[in-house]
Amino acid sequence: MYKYQYIKLLLPLGLLSLSACSAKVDNRGYVSDAQWKENITIGTTTKDQVFDVFGSPSSQSTFGEETWYYVSSRKEGTAFLKPEIVEQNVTRLTFDANGVVSGTENFDKNSGKDFELAKRITPTEGHQLSFVEQILGNIGRFNKGGDSGAAPGRKPGGY
């Protein structure tokens, strides 16, 4: 009799603990269609047609020939571990001066390259003061007369 009560208690707890270990999937960005190339014809498809079919791009170029990027990624993580990028796709569409598609490229996760950010610091002009120099430099700078904060020889609020 007592044996079955423990099973009724342990079975839901076991199922709950197994569900906590299932992968968490996070899809972001543009969800690409497998036949996206069928909707785009180089030399005839316009920006308006691309916008109608795919929507607004994830990113656009700011200089050079006009380029639209559609980015999508899928991350999976288990429990408290850091999620890993499982799938990543970037579709680049370039347009000519008339707003017609002049080229398409597709990049996947393996096409990406790691890079380091430059850690250069822009120097400031003047002398770098140490903490002690800053403290000692402020001695005697404060107004010793009255609470008004007016310059010596002037009345508060006067011109």
N, C-alpha and C. Protein backbone atom coordinates (compact mmCIF):
# COMPACT_ATOMS: atom_id res chain seq x y z
N MET A 1 0.82 -1.18 0.00
CA MET A 1 0.00 0.00 0.00
C MET A 1 0.87 1.25 0.00
N TYR A 2 1.86 1.30 0.91
CA TYR A 2 2.71 2.49 0.99
C TYR A 2 3.63 2.59 -0.22
N LYS A 3 3.94 1.45 -0.82
CA LYS A 3 4.82 1.43 -1.97
C LYS A 3 4.22 2.24 -3.12
N TYR A 4 2.95 2.14 -3.36
CA TYR A 4 2.30 2.84 -4.46
C TYR A 4 2.19 4.34 -4.20
N GLN A 5 2.11 4.73 -2.96
CA GLN A 5 2.06 6.16 -2.65
C GLN A 5 3.38 6.83 -2.98
N TYR A 6 4.50 6.16 -2.73
CA TYR A 6 5.80 6.72 -3.07
C TYR A 6 5.96 6.84 -4.59
N ILE A 7 5.46 5.87 -5.31
CA ILE A 7 5.53 5.92 -6.77
C ILE A 7 4.72 7.10 -7.31
N LYS A 8 3.55 7.31 -6.73
CA LYS A 8 2.72 8.44 -7.16
C LYS A 8 3.40 9.78 -6.90
N LEU A 9 4.23 9.83 -5.88
CA LEU A 9 4.94 11.06 -5.54
C LEU A 9 6.22 11.21 -6.37
N LEU A 10 6.96 10.14 -6.55
CA LEU A 10 8.25 10.21 -7.24
C LEU A 10 8.11 10.31 -8.76
N LEU A 11 7.08 9.75 -9.34
CA LEU A 11 6.89 9.79 -10.79
C LEU A 11 6.74 11.22 -11.30
N PRO A 12 5.87 12.06 -10.74
CA PRO A 12 5.78 13.45 -11.22
C PRO A 12 7.08 14.24 -11.00
N LEU A 13 7.76 13.99 -9.87
CA LEU A 13 9.02 14.68 -9.61
C LEU A 13 10.08 14.28 -10.63
N GLY A 14 10.13 13.04 -11.00
CA GLY A 14 11.08 12.56 -12.00
C GLY A 14 10.81 13.15 -13.37
N LEU A 15 9.53 13.20 -13.76
CA LEU A 15 9.18 13.81 -15.04
C LEU A 15 9.49 15.30 -15.06
N LEU A 16 9.27 15.97 -13.96
CA LEU A 16 9.56 17.39 -13.86
C LEU A 16 11.05 17.66 -13.99
N SER A 17 11.87 16.85 -13.35
CA SER A 17 13.32 17.03 -13.43
C SER A 17 13.84 16.74 -14.83
N LEU A 18 13.25 15.78 -15.55
CA LEU A 18 13.66 15.51 -16.92
C LEU A 18 13.29 16.66 -17.85
N SER A 19 12.16 17.28 -17.62
CA SER A 19 11.75 18.39 -18.49
C SER A 19 12.65 19.61 -18.29
N ALA A 20 13.27 19.75 -17.13
CA ALA A 20 14.18 20.87 -16.88
C ALA A 20 15.45 20.73 -17.70
N CYS A 21 15.81 19.53 -18.12
CA CYS A 21 17.02 19.30 -18.90
C CYS A 21 16.78 19.40 -20.40
N SER A 22 15.57 19.66 -20.83
CA SER A 22 15.31 19.76 -22.26
C SER A 22 15.92 21.05 -22.80
N ALA A 23 16.28 21.02 -24.07
CA ALA A 23 16.94 22.17 -24.69
C ALA A 23 15.97 23.33 -24.85
N LYS A 24 16.48 24.53 -24.56
CA LYS A 24 15.72 25.76 -24.77
C LYS A 24 16.15 26.33 -26.10
N VAL A 25 15.20 26.55 -27.01
CA VAL A 25 15.50 27.03 -28.36
C VAL A 25 15.06 28.48 -28.46
N ASP A 26 15.93 29.33 -29.03
CA ASP A 26 15.66 30.75 -29.20
C ASP A 26 15.90 31.12 -30.66
N ASN A 27 14.81 31.39 -31.40
CA ASN A 27 14.91 31.82 -32.80
C ASN A 27 14.83 33.34 -32.84
N ARG A 28 15.77 33.96 -33.56
CA ARG A 28 15.78 35.42 -33.67
C ARG A 28 15.98 35.84 -35.11
N GLY A 29 15.45 37.04 -35.41
CA GLY A 29 15.66 37.63 -36.72
C GLY A 29 14.67 37.15 -37.74
N TYR A 30 15.05 37.27 -38.98
CA TYR A 30 14.21 36.91 -40.11
C TYR A 30 14.16 35.40 -40.25
N VAL A 31 12.96 34.84 -40.32
CA VAL A 31 12.81 33.40 -40.52
C VAL A 31 12.79 33.17 -42.02
N SER A 32 13.89 32.62 -42.54
CA SER A 32 14.05 32.52 -43.98
C SER A 32 13.27 31.34 -44.55
N ASP A 33 12.85 31.54 -45.77
CA ASP A 33 12.15 30.51 -46.53
C ASP A 33 13.19 29.72 -47.31
N ALA A 34 13.01 28.44 -47.44
CA ALA A 34 13.98 27.60 -48.13
C ALA A 34 14.10 27.99 -49.61
N GLN A 35 13.02 28.48 -50.21
CA GLN A 35 13.03 28.86 -51.61
C GLN A 35 13.05 30.38 -51.79
N TRP A 36 13.84 31.10 -50.98
CA TRP A 36 13.86 32.56 -51.08
C TRP A 36 14.42 33.01 -52.42
N LYS A 37 15.32 32.22 -53.00
CA LYS A 37 15.91 32.61 -54.28
C LYS A 37 14.90 32.59 -55.42
N GLU A 38 13.85 31.78 -55.28
CA GLU A 38 12.81 31.73 -56.32
C GLU A 38 12.02 33.03 -56.39
N ASN A 39 11.96 33.77 -55.27
CA ASN A 39 11.21 35.02 -55.24
C ASN A 39 12.02 36.22 -55.73
N ILE A 40 13.32 36.04 -55.96
CA ILE A 40 14.19 37.14 -56.36
C ILE A 40 14.85 36.82 -57.69
N THR A 41 14.71 37.74 -58.63
CA THR A 41 15.36 37.60 -59.92
C THR A 41 16.30 38.78 -60.10
N ILE A 42 17.58 38.49 -60.25
CA ILE A 42 18.57 39.55 -60.41
C ILE A 42 18.29 40.30 -61.71
N GLY A 43 18.23 41.61 -61.61
CA GLY A 43 17.99 42.46 -62.78
C GLY A 43 16.54 42.84 -63.00
N THR A 44 15.59 42.19 -62.27
CA THR A 44 14.17 42.55 -62.46
C THR A 44 13.44 42.84 -61.15
N THR A 45 13.80 42.18 -60.07
CA THR A 45 13.11 42.38 -58.80
C THR A 45 13.51 43.73 -58.20
N THR A 46 12.52 44.53 -57.77
CA THR A 46 12.79 45.85 -57.21
C THR A 46 12.80 45.80 -55.68
N LYS A 47 13.26 46.92 -55.09
CA LYS A 47 13.28 47.02 -53.62
C LYS A 47 11.87 46.88 -53.05
N ASP A 48 10.88 47.49 -53.71
CA ASP A 48 9.51 47.41 -53.22
C ASP A 48 9.00 45.97 -53.22
N GLN A 49 9.35 45.21 -54.25
CA GLN A 49 8.92 43.81 -54.31
C GLN A 49 9.60 42.99 -53.22
N VAL A 50 10.87 43.25 -52.97
CA VAL A 50 11.59 42.54 -51.91
C VAL A 50 10.96 42.88 -50.57
N PHE A 51 10.66 44.16 -50.36
CA PHE A 51 10.04 44.59 -49.10
C PHE A 51 8.68 43.93 -48.91
N ASP A 52 7.89 43.81 -49.98
CA ASP A 52 6.56 43.19 -49.88
C ASP A 52 6.66 41.71 -49.52
N VAL A 53 7.66 41.00 -50.05
CA VAL A 53 7.79 39.56 -49.82
C VAL A 53 8.47 39.26 -48.48
N PHE A 54 9.58 39.96 -48.19
CA PHE A 54 10.40 39.63 -47.02
C PHE A 54 10.23 40.59 -45.85
N GLY A 55 9.64 41.75 -46.08
CA GLY A 55 9.51 42.73 -45.01
C GLY A 55 10.75 43.59 -44.91
N SER A 56 10.83 44.38 -43.84
CA SER A 56 11.98 45.27 -43.68
C SER A 56 13.23 44.46 -43.35
N PRO A 57 14.38 44.90 -43.83
CA PRO A 57 15.62 44.15 -43.59
C PRO A 57 16.09 44.28 -42.14
N SER A 58 16.90 43.34 -41.70
CA SER A 58 17.48 43.39 -40.36
C SER A 58 18.47 44.54 -40.26
N SER A 59 19.17 44.83 -41.36
CA SER A 59 20.16 45.90 -41.39
C SER A 59 20.32 46.39 -42.81
N GLN A 60 20.79 47.65 -42.94
CA GLN A 60 21.04 48.23 -44.26
C GLN A 60 22.42 48.85 -44.27
N SER A 61 23.03 48.92 -45.45
CA SER A 61 24.34 49.56 -45.56
C SER A 61 24.18 51.06 -45.40
N THR A 62 25.23 51.71 -44.90
CA THR A 62 25.18 53.16 -44.70
C THR A 62 26.01 53.90 -45.74
N PHE A 63 26.87 53.20 -46.47
CA PHE A 63 27.64 53.82 -47.53
C PHE A 63 27.89 52.79 -48.61
N GLY A 64 28.36 53.25 -49.77
CA GLY A 64 28.56 52.34 -50.89
C GLY A 64 27.23 52.01 -51.55
N GLU A 65 27.21 50.96 -52.35
CA GLU A 65 25.96 50.59 -53.00
C GLU A 65 24.95 50.12 -51.95
N GLU A 66 23.68 50.36 -52.23
CA GLU A 66 22.64 50.03 -51.25
C GLU A 66 22.56 48.52 -51.09
N THR A 67 22.65 48.08 -49.84
CA THR A 67 22.66 46.66 -49.51
C THR A 67 21.73 46.41 -48.34
N TRP A 68 20.91 45.38 -48.46
CA TRP A 68 20.02 44.97 -47.38
C TRP A 68 20.49 43.62 -46.85
N TYR A 69 20.41 43.46 -45.53
CA TYR A 69 20.80 42.21 -44.88
C TYR A 69 19.60 41.65 -44.12
N TYR A 70 19.33 40.37 -44.33
CA TYR A 70 18.31 39.65 -43.56
C TYR A 70 19.05 38.61 -42.72
N VAL A 71 18.99 38.78 -41.40
CA VAL A 71 19.77 37.95 -40.48
C VAL A 71 18.84 37.09 -39.65
N SER A 72 19.20 35.83 -39.49
CA SER A 72 18.44 34.94 -38.60
C SER A 72 19.43 34.07 -37.84
N SER A 73 19.07 33.70 -36.61
CA SER A 73 19.91 32.81 -35.82
C SER A 73 19.05 31.95 -34.92
N ARG A 74 19.60 30.81 -34.58
CA ARG A 74 18.92 29.88 -33.69
C ARG A 74 19.91 29.43 -32.63
N LYS A 75 19.56 29.67 -31.37
CA LYS A 75 20.41 29.28 -30.24
C LYS A 75 19.71 28.19 -29.45
N GLU A 76 20.52 27.29 -28.91
CA GLU A 76 20.00 26.24 -28.04
C GLU A 76 20.83 26.21 -26.76
N GLY A 77 20.16 26.07 -25.64
CA GLY A 77 20.83 25.98 -24.36
C GLY A 77 20.13 24.98 -23.46
N THR A 78 20.87 24.40 -22.57
CA THR A 78 20.32 23.42 -21.64
C THR A 78 20.54 23.93 -20.22
N ALA A 79 19.47 23.94 -19.46
CA ALA A 79 19.49 24.33 -18.04
C ALA A 79 20.19 25.67 -17.86
N PHE A 80 21.23 25.71 -17.05
CA PHE A 80 21.92 26.96 -16.73
C PHE A 80 23.14 27.21 -17.62
N LEU A 81 23.43 26.35 -18.58
CA LEU A 81 24.59 26.51 -19.45
C LEU A 81 24.36 27.63 -20.47
N LYS A 82 25.44 28.25 -20.91
CA LYS A 82 25.37 29.33 -21.88
C LYS A 82 24.84 28.78 -23.22
N PRO A 83 23.85 29.45 -23.81
CA PRO A 83 23.32 28.98 -25.10
C PRO A 83 24.38 29.07 -26.21
N GLU A 84 24.34 28.14 -27.13
CA GLU A 84 25.26 28.13 -28.26
C GLU A 84 24.48 28.38 -29.54
N ILE A 85 25.12 29.09 -30.48
CA ILE A 85 24.50 29.33 -31.78
C ILE A 85 24.59 28.04 -32.58
N VAL A 86 23.43 27.50 -32.92
CA VAL A 86 23.36 26.25 -33.66
C VAL A 86 23.29 26.53 -35.16
N GLU A 87 22.54 27.56 -35.51
CA GLU A 87 22.33 27.90 -36.92
C GLU A 87 22.30 29.41 -37.06
N GLN A 88 22.97 29.91 -38.09
CA GLN A 88 22.96 31.35 -38.34
C GLN A 88 23.01 31.56 -39.85
N ASN A 89 22.13 32.40 -40.36
CA ASN A 89 22.08 32.69 -41.79
C ASN A 89 21.98 34.18 -42.01
N VAL A 90 22.74 34.67 -42.98
CA VAL A 90 22.69 36.07 -43.38
C VAL A 90 22.49 36.09 -44.89
N THR A 91 21.45 36.78 -45.34
CA THR A 91 21.19 36.95 -46.76
C THR A 91 21.48 38.40 -47.11
N ARG A 92 22.37 38.61 -48.08
CA ARG A 92 22.73 39.97 -48.50
C ARG A 92 22.18 40.22 -49.90
N LEU A 93 21.40 41.29 -50.02
CA LEU A 93 20.84 41.70 -51.30
C LEU A 93 21.40 43.07 -51.65
N THR A 94 22.02 43.20 -52.84
CA THR A 94 22.53 44.49 -53.28
C THR A 94 21.64 45.03 -54.38
N PHE A 95 21.49 46.37 -54.39
CA PHE A 95 20.63 47.03 -55.36
C PHE A 95 21.44 48.01 -56.18
N ASP A 96 21.06 48.18 -57.46
CA ASP A 96 21.74 49.18 -58.29
C ASP A 96 21.11 50.55 -58.07
N ALA A 97 21.52 51.55 -58.84
CA ALA A 97 21.04 52.93 -58.67
C ALA A 97 19.55 53.06 -58.94
N ASN A 98 18.97 52.15 -59.71
CA ASN A 98 17.53 52.20 -60.03
C ASN A 98 16.68 51.45 -59.00
N GLY A 99 17.30 50.85 -57.99
CA GLY A 99 16.55 50.13 -56.97
C GLY A 99 16.19 48.72 -57.39
N VAL A 100 16.96 48.13 -58.30
CA VAL A 100 16.73 46.77 -58.78
C VAL A 100 17.83 45.87 -58.22
N VAL A 101 17.47 44.64 -57.84
CA VAL A 101 18.43 43.71 -57.26
C VAL A 101 19.55 43.43 -58.25
N SER A 102 20.80 43.68 -57.81
CA SER A 102 21.95 43.44 -58.68
C SER A 102 22.78 42.24 -58.22
N GLY A 103 22.52 41.73 -57.01
CA GLY A 103 23.25 40.57 -56.54
C GLY A 103 22.68 40.03 -55.25
N THR A 104 22.87 38.73 -55.04
CA THR A 104 22.44 38.09 -53.80
C THR A 104 23.56 37.18 -53.30
N GLU A 105 23.70 37.10 -52.00
CA GLU A 105 24.65 36.18 -51.38
C GLU A 105 24.04 35.66 -50.09
N ASN A 106 24.40 34.44 -49.75
CA ASN A 106 23.91 33.83 -48.53
C ASN A 106 25.11 33.32 -47.73
N PHE A 107 25.16 33.65 -46.44
CA PHE A 107 26.25 33.24 -45.57
C PHE A 107 25.66 32.42 -44.43
N ASP A 108 26.40 31.38 -44.02
CA ASP A 108 25.95 30.58 -42.89
C ASP A 108 26.90 30.77 -41.72
N LYS A 109 26.72 29.99 -40.68
CA LYS A 109 27.51 30.11 -39.45
C LYS A 109 29.00 29.90 -39.72
N ASN A 110 29.33 29.01 -40.63
CA ASN A 110 30.73 28.70 -40.93
C ASN A 110 31.43 29.81 -41.70
N SER A 111 30.68 30.72 -42.31
CA SER A 111 31.26 31.83 -43.07
C SER A 111 31.73 32.96 -42.16
N GLY A 112 31.29 32.97 -40.90
CA GLY A 112 31.63 34.04 -39.98
C GLY A 112 33.09 33.96 -39.54
N LYS A 113 33.62 35.12 -39.16
CA LYS A 113 35.00 35.20 -38.69
C LYS A 113 35.03 35.93 -37.36
N ASP A 114 35.83 35.43 -36.43
CA ASP A 114 36.02 36.10 -35.14
C ASP A 114 37.02 37.23 -35.32
N PHE A 115 36.81 38.31 -34.59
CA PHE A 115 37.75 39.42 -34.63
C PHE A 115 37.81 40.06 -33.26
N GLU A 116 38.93 40.75 -33.01
CA GLU A 116 39.12 41.45 -31.74
C GLU A 116 38.88 42.93 -31.94
N LEU A 117 38.23 43.53 -30.97
CA LEU A 117 38.04 44.97 -31.01
C LEU A 117 39.34 45.65 -30.61
N ALA A 118 39.61 46.79 -31.23
CA ALA A 118 40.81 47.56 -30.87
C ALA A 118 40.62 48.15 -29.49
N LYS A 119 41.65 48.07 -28.65
CA LYS A 119 41.55 48.56 -27.28
C LYS A 119 42.39 49.83 -27.12
N ARG A 120 42.47 50.61 -28.16
CA ARG A 120 43.23 51.85 -28.09
C ARG A 120 42.43 52.88 -27.31
N ILE A 121 43.16 53.77 -26.63
CA ILE A 121 42.53 54.82 -25.84
C ILE A 121 42.99 56.16 -26.39
N THR A 122 42.04 57.04 -26.63
CA THR A 122 42.38 58.37 -27.12
C THR A 122 42.91 59.19 -25.96
N PRO A 123 44.14 59.72 -26.08
CA PRO A 123 44.70 60.51 -24.98
C PRO A 123 44.00 61.87 -24.89
N THR A 124 43.91 62.38 -23.68
CA THR A 124 43.33 63.71 -23.48
C THR A 124 44.46 64.72 -23.38
N GLU A 125 44.15 65.96 -23.67
CA GLU A 125 45.15 67.01 -23.61
C GLU A 125 45.36 67.44 -22.18
N GLY A 126 46.56 67.95 -21.92
CA GLY A 126 46.84 68.45 -20.59
C GLY A 126 47.60 67.44 -19.75
N HIS A 127 47.77 67.79 -18.51
CA HIS A 127 48.54 66.99 -17.57
C HIS A 127 47.63 66.01 -16.83
N GLN A 128 48.06 64.78 -16.72
CA GLN A 128 47.30 63.79 -15.97
C GLN A 128 47.64 63.95 -14.48
N LEU A 129 46.65 64.26 -13.68
CA LEU A 129 46.86 64.45 -12.25
C LEU A 129 46.59 63.15 -11.51
N SER A 130 47.42 62.85 -10.54
CA SER A 130 47.18 61.69 -9.69
C SER A 130 46.09 62.05 -8.67
N PHE A 131 45.63 61.06 -7.95
CA PHE A 131 44.58 61.29 -6.96
C PHE A 131 45.05 62.29 -5.89
N VAL A 132 46.28 62.12 -5.42
CA VAL A 132 46.81 63.01 -4.37
C VAL A 132 46.94 64.43 -4.91
N GLU A 133 47.41 64.59 -6.16
CA GLU A 133 47.53 65.93 -6.76
C GLU A 133 46.17 66.60 -6.89
N GLN A 134 45.15 65.84 -7.20
CA GLN A 134 43.80 66.41 -7.30
C GLN A 134 43.31 66.88 -5.95
N ILE A 135 43.53 66.11 -4.90
CA ILE A 135 43.10 66.50 -3.55
C ILE A 135 43.84 67.74 -3.09
N LEU A 136 45.17 67.74 -3.22
CA LEU A 136 45.96 68.88 -2.78
C LEU A 136 45.71 70.12 -3.64
N GLY A 137 45.38 69.93 -4.88
CA GLY A 137 45.12 71.06 -5.78
C GLY A 137 43.86 71.81 -5.42
N ASN A 138 42.93 71.19 -4.74
CA ASN A 138 41.67 71.84 -4.36
C ASN A 138 41.77 72.61 -3.05
N ILE A 139 42.87 72.46 -2.32
CA ILE A 139 43.01 73.18 -1.06
C ILE A 139 43.16 74.68 -1.37
N GLY A 140 42.37 75.49 -0.73
CA GLY A 140 42.42 76.93 -0.91
C GLY A 140 41.58 77.44 -2.06
N ARG A 141 40.96 76.58 -2.82
CA ARG A 141 40.12 77.01 -3.94
C ARG A 141 38.71 77.38 -3.50
N PHE A 142 38.33 76.97 -2.34
CA PHE A 142 36.97 77.21 -1.90
C PHE A 142 36.84 78.60 -1.31
N ASN A 143 35.69 79.21 -1.49
CA ASN A 143 35.42 80.56 -1.01
C ASN A 143 35.31 80.55 0.51
N LYS A 144 36.16 81.32 1.19
CA LYS A 144 36.17 81.34 2.65
C LYS A 144 35.19 82.34 3.21
N GLY A 145 34.79 83.31 2.43
CA GLY A 145 33.85 84.31 2.94
C GLY A 145 32.42 83.91 2.71
N GLY A 146 31.51 84.23 3.57
CA GLY A 146 30.05 84.08 3.46
C GLY A 146 29.59 82.78 2.81
N ASP A 147 28.30 82.57 2.91
CA ASP A 147 27.67 81.40 2.34
C ASP A 147 27.13 81.64 0.95
N SER A 148 27.23 82.88 0.45
CA SER A 148 26.57 83.24 -0.80
C SER A 148 27.25 82.63 -2.01
N GLY A 149 28.53 82.40 -1.93
CA GLY A 149 29.23 81.85 -3.07
C GLY A 149 29.57 82.92 -4.09
N ALA A 150 29.33 84.21 -3.77
CA ALA A 150 29.64 85.29 -4.70
C ALA A 150 31.13 85.54 -4.71
N ALA A 151 31.62 86.07 -5.79
CA ALA A 151 33.04 86.39 -5.92
C ALA A 151 33.40 87.49 -4.94
N PRO A 152 34.67 87.56 -4.47
CA PRO A 152 35.08 88.60 -3.52
C PRO A 152 34.84 89.99 -4.10
N GLY A 153 34.31 90.89 -3.27
CA GLY A 153 34.05 92.26 -3.68
C GLY A 153 32.73 92.45 -4.38
N ARG A 154 31.95 91.40 -4.54
CA ARG A 154 30.64 91.50 -5.19
C ARG A 154 29.56 91.13 -4.22
N LYS A 155 28.42 91.72 -4.42
CA LYS A 155 27.25 91.39 -3.62
C LYS A 155 26.50 90.26 -4.32
N PRO A 156 25.90 89.39 -3.57
CA PRO A 156 25.14 88.32 -4.18
C PRO A 156 24.04 88.89 -5.08
N GLY A 157 23.92 88.37 -6.28
CA GLY A 157 22.88 88.83 -7.21
C GLY A 157 23.22 90.13 -7.89
N GLY A 158 24.32 90.77 -7.56
CA GLY A 158 24.68 92.06 -8.16
C GLY A 158 25.43 91.89 -9.43
N TYR A 159 25.51 92.98 -10.18
CA TYR A 159 26.21 92.94 -11.48
C TYR A 159 27.44 93.77 -11.46
